[in-house]
N, C-alpha and C. Protein backbone atom coordinates (compact mmCIF):
# COMPACT_ATOMS: atom_id res chain seq x y z
N UNK A 1 2.16 24.16 195.56
CA UNK A 1 2.37 24.27 194.12
C UNK A 1 1.61 25.47 193.57
N UNK A 2 2.31 26.37 192.96
CA UNK A 2 1.69 27.55 192.37
C UNK A 2 1.00 27.20 191.06
N UNK A 3 -0.07 27.95 190.78
CA UNK A 3 -0.76 27.78 189.50
C UNK A 3 -1.26 29.13 189.04
N UNK A 4 -1.68 29.18 187.80
CA UNK A 4 -2.16 30.43 187.23
C UNK A 4 -3.32 30.98 188.06
N UNK A 5 -3.37 32.28 188.21
CA UNK A 5 -4.38 33.05 188.95
C UNK A 5 -4.12 33.10 190.46
N UNK A 6 -3.12 32.37 190.98
CA UNK A 6 -2.80 32.49 192.40
C UNK A 6 -2.33 33.91 192.69
N UNK A 7 -2.51 34.33 193.93
CA UNK A 7 -2.08 35.66 194.37
C UNK A 7 -0.81 35.49 195.21
N UNK A 8 0.22 36.27 194.88
CA UNK A 8 1.51 36.17 195.57
C UNK A 8 2.00 37.56 195.95
N UNK A 9 2.99 37.57 196.83
CA UNK A 9 3.69 38.81 197.18
C UNK A 9 5.18 38.59 196.96
N UNK A 10 5.86 39.64 196.58
CA UNK A 10 7.31 39.58 196.38
C UNK A 10 7.97 39.77 197.74
N UNK A 11 8.84 38.81 198.11
CA UNK A 11 9.54 38.91 199.39
C UNK A 11 11.00 39.34 199.20
N UNK A 12 11.50 39.22 197.98
CA UNK A 12 12.86 39.63 197.67
C UNK A 12 12.92 40.07 196.22
N UNK A 13 13.54 41.21 195.97
CA UNK A 13 13.64 41.69 194.60
C UNK A 13 14.91 41.19 193.90
N UNK A 14 15.68 40.37 194.60
CA UNK A 14 16.91 39.82 194.02
C UNK A 14 16.54 38.88 192.86
N UNK A 15 17.20 39.06 191.75
CA UNK A 15 17.05 38.22 190.55
C UNK A 15 15.69 38.35 189.87
N UNK A 16 14.93 39.38 190.18
CA UNK A 16 13.67 39.61 189.48
C UNK A 16 13.97 40.36 188.19
N UNK A 17 13.37 39.89 187.11
CA UNK A 17 13.59 40.51 185.80
C UNK A 17 12.32 41.25 185.37
N UNK A 18 12.48 42.53 185.06
CA UNK A 18 11.39 43.36 184.56
C UNK A 18 11.12 42.97 183.11
N UNK A 19 9.88 42.64 182.79
CA UNK A 19 9.55 42.24 181.42
C UNK A 19 8.78 43.32 180.68
N UNK A 20 7.81 43.94 181.34
CA UNK A 20 6.97 44.91 180.64
C UNK A 20 6.30 45.84 181.64
N UNK A 21 6.08 47.06 181.22
CA UNK A 21 5.39 48.01 182.07
C UNK A 21 5.34 49.37 181.41
N UNK A 22 4.67 50.31 182.05
CA UNK A 22 4.57 51.65 181.48
C UNK A 22 5.94 52.32 181.37
N UNK A 23 6.22 52.98 180.26
CA UNK A 23 7.51 53.65 180.11
C UNK A 23 7.67 54.79 181.10
N UNK A 24 8.87 54.93 181.63
CA UNK A 24 9.17 56.03 182.52
C UNK A 24 8.68 55.88 183.94
N UNK A 25 8.12 54.72 184.28
CA UNK A 25 7.64 54.49 185.64
C UNK A 25 8.31 53.25 186.22
N UNK A 26 8.88 53.38 187.39
CA UNK A 26 9.53 52.25 188.04
C UNK A 26 8.49 51.28 188.59
N UNK A 27 8.78 50.00 188.51
CA UNK A 27 7.89 48.98 189.07
C UNK A 27 7.97 49.00 190.59
N UNK A 28 6.84 48.95 191.25
CA UNK A 28 6.79 48.92 192.72
C UNK A 28 6.48 47.49 193.15
N UNK A 29 7.40 46.85 193.89
CA UNK A 29 7.21 45.44 194.24
C UNK A 29 6.17 45.18 195.32
N UNK A 30 5.73 46.21 196.04
CA UNK A 30 4.76 46.03 197.13
C UNK A 30 3.40 45.59 196.60
N UNK A 31 2.63 44.95 197.47
CA UNK A 31 1.25 44.59 197.14
C UNK A 31 1.11 43.19 196.57
N UNK A 32 -0.11 42.88 196.17
CA UNK A 32 -0.45 41.56 195.65
C UNK A 32 -0.22 41.50 194.14
N UNK A 33 0.33 40.38 193.70
CA UNK A 33 0.60 40.12 192.29
C UNK A 33 -0.16 38.86 191.89
N UNK A 34 -0.51 38.76 190.64
CA UNK A 34 -1.22 37.58 190.12
C UNK A 34 -0.27 36.75 189.27
N UNK A 35 -0.30 35.44 189.47
CA UNK A 35 0.52 34.53 188.67
C UNK A 35 -0.14 34.40 187.29
N UNK A 36 0.64 34.70 186.26
CA UNK A 36 0.12 34.58 184.90
C UNK A 36 0.78 33.44 184.14
N UNK A 37 1.87 32.91 184.67
CA UNK A 37 2.52 31.79 184.00
C UNK A 37 3.71 31.28 184.81
N UNK A 38 4.17 30.10 184.45
CA UNK A 38 5.32 29.49 185.10
C UNK A 38 6.27 29.02 184.01
N UNK A 39 7.54 29.41 184.13
CA UNK A 39 8.56 29.04 183.16
C UNK A 39 9.73 28.43 183.92
N UNK A 40 9.84 27.10 183.87
CA UNK A 40 10.90 26.44 184.62
C UNK A 40 10.73 26.68 186.11
N UNK A 41 11.77 27.28 186.74
CA UNK A 41 11.71 27.60 188.17
C UNK A 41 11.38 29.06 188.42
N UNK A 42 10.94 29.75 187.37
CA UNK A 42 10.55 31.15 187.50
C UNK A 42 9.04 31.28 187.33
N UNK A 43 8.51 32.35 187.91
CA UNK A 43 7.08 32.61 187.84
C UNK A 43 6.89 33.98 187.18
N UNK A 44 6.00 34.04 186.21
CA UNK A 44 5.65 35.30 185.58
C UNK A 44 4.47 35.86 186.36
N UNK A 45 4.66 37.06 186.92
CA UNK A 45 3.61 37.67 187.74
C UNK A 45 3.28 39.06 187.20
N UNK A 46 2.04 39.48 187.44
CA UNK A 46 1.59 40.78 186.93
C UNK A 46 0.83 41.54 188.00
N UNK A 47 0.98 42.86 187.95
CA UNK A 47 0.21 43.76 188.81
C UNK A 47 0.02 45.06 188.04
N UNK A 48 -1.22 45.49 187.96
CA UNK A 48 -1.55 46.69 187.19
C UNK A 48 -1.04 46.52 185.76
N UNK A 49 -0.11 47.36 185.34
CA UNK A 49 0.41 47.28 183.97
C UNK A 49 1.81 46.71 183.91
N UNK A 50 2.27 46.09 184.99
CA UNK A 50 3.65 45.62 185.08
C UNK A 50 3.70 44.10 185.09
N UNK A 51 4.65 43.55 184.34
CA UNK A 51 4.87 42.10 184.30
C UNK A 51 6.34 41.85 184.60
N UNK A 52 6.60 40.93 185.56
CA UNK A 52 7.96 40.58 185.91
C UNK A 52 8.13 39.06 185.95
N UNK A 53 9.39 38.65 185.86
CA UNK A 53 9.74 37.23 185.99
C UNK A 53 10.53 37.09 187.28
N UNK A 54 10.02 36.26 188.19
CA UNK A 54 10.63 36.12 189.51
C UNK A 54 10.96 34.67 189.80
N UNK A 55 12.11 34.41 190.45
CA UNK A 55 12.40 33.04 190.88
C UNK A 55 11.47 32.65 192.02
N UNK A 56 11.18 31.36 192.13
CA UNK A 56 10.26 30.87 193.17
C UNK A 56 10.60 31.35 194.58
N UNK A 57 11.89 31.34 194.99
CA UNK A 57 12.19 31.79 196.36
C UNK A 57 11.89 33.27 196.61
N UNK A 58 11.68 34.06 195.57
CA UNK A 58 11.46 35.49 195.73
C UNK A 58 10.00 35.85 195.98
N UNK A 59 9.12 34.86 195.93
CA UNK A 59 7.70 35.15 196.12
C UNK A 59 7.09 34.27 197.19
N UNK A 60 5.96 34.74 197.73
CA UNK A 60 5.24 34.00 198.77
C UNK A 60 3.77 33.92 198.37
N UNK A 61 3.20 32.72 198.44
CA UNK A 61 1.79 32.51 198.11
C UNK A 61 0.90 33.17 199.16
N UNK A 62 -0.06 33.95 198.70
CA UNK A 62 -1.01 34.63 199.58
C UNK A 62 -2.37 33.93 199.51
N UNK A 63 -2.82 33.62 198.29
CA UNK A 63 -4.12 32.98 198.12
C UNK A 63 -4.14 32.18 196.82
N UNK A 64 -4.84 31.06 196.86
CA UNK A 64 -5.05 30.27 195.65
C UNK A 64 -6.42 30.59 195.09
N UNK A 65 -6.50 30.60 193.79
CA UNK A 65 -7.77 30.90 193.13
C UNK A 65 -7.98 29.88 192.04
N UNK A 66 -9.12 29.21 192.10
CA UNK A 66 -9.47 28.23 191.08
C UNK A 66 -10.70 28.74 190.33
N UNK A 67 -10.54 29.20 189.09
CA UNK A 67 -11.69 29.75 188.37
C UNK A 67 -12.81 28.73 188.18
N UNK A 68 -12.49 27.45 188.12
CA UNK A 68 -13.53 26.44 187.94
C UNK A 68 -14.46 26.39 189.14
N UNK A 69 -13.94 26.58 190.35
CA UNK A 69 -14.80 26.63 191.54
C UNK A 69 -15.80 27.77 191.44
N UNK A 70 -15.34 28.93 190.99
CA UNK A 70 -16.22 30.08 190.83
C UNK A 70 -17.31 29.80 189.79
N UNK A 71 -16.91 29.23 188.67
CA UNK A 71 -17.87 28.91 187.61
C UNK A 71 -18.91 27.90 188.11
N UNK A 72 -18.45 26.87 188.80
CA UNK A 72 -19.38 25.86 189.33
C UNK A 72 -20.37 26.47 190.32
N UNK A 73 -19.89 27.37 191.18
CA UNK A 73 -20.76 28.01 192.16
C UNK A 73 -21.82 28.87 191.45
N UNK A 74 -21.41 29.62 190.44
CA UNK A 74 -22.35 30.46 189.70
C UNK A 74 -23.37 29.61 188.94
N UNK A 75 -22.94 28.50 188.36
CA UNK A 75 -23.86 27.61 187.66
C UNK A 75 -24.88 27.03 188.62
N UNK A 76 -24.43 26.64 189.83
CA UNK A 76 -25.35 26.09 190.83
C UNK A 76 -26.36 27.15 191.27
N UNK A 77 -25.89 28.39 191.49
CA UNK A 77 -26.80 29.47 191.88
C UNK A 77 -27.84 29.71 190.79
N UNK A 78 -27.41 29.70 189.57
CA UNK A 78 -28.34 29.90 188.45
C UNK A 78 -29.35 28.76 188.37
N UNK A 79 -28.87 27.54 188.55
CA UNK A 79 -29.75 26.37 188.51
C UNK A 79 -30.77 26.41 189.64
N UNK A 80 -30.35 26.89 190.82
CA UNK A 80 -31.24 26.97 191.97
C UNK A 80 -32.18 28.18 191.92
N UNK A 81 -32.02 29.03 190.90
CA UNK A 81 -32.89 30.19 190.74
C UNK A 81 -32.51 31.37 191.60
N UNK A 82 -31.29 31.38 192.15
CA UNK A 82 -30.88 32.48 193.03
C UNK A 82 -30.37 33.68 192.23
N UNK A 83 -30.03 33.48 190.99
CA UNK A 83 -29.49 34.56 190.19
C UNK A 83 -30.25 34.62 188.87
N UNK A 84 -30.44 35.82 188.37
CA UNK A 84 -31.17 35.98 187.10
C UNK A 84 -30.27 36.52 186.04
């Protein structure tokens, strides 16, 4: 199950809709994209200054990221005196 902040890669550009990006520059599908939202069976993903809407079959999960885990780890480090 995908969630916000997960890292994905585009495996197929079929049915991908360009939503936003720098004028005059084509979107490059290569590389890692970040999930910024989910709309029905489509995923809104972003990379650099480009935002696209992709169907679920067009992307592959690379890594899951849970910001709460990061926050909890930093709070524990602070509590233990490891960070100032």
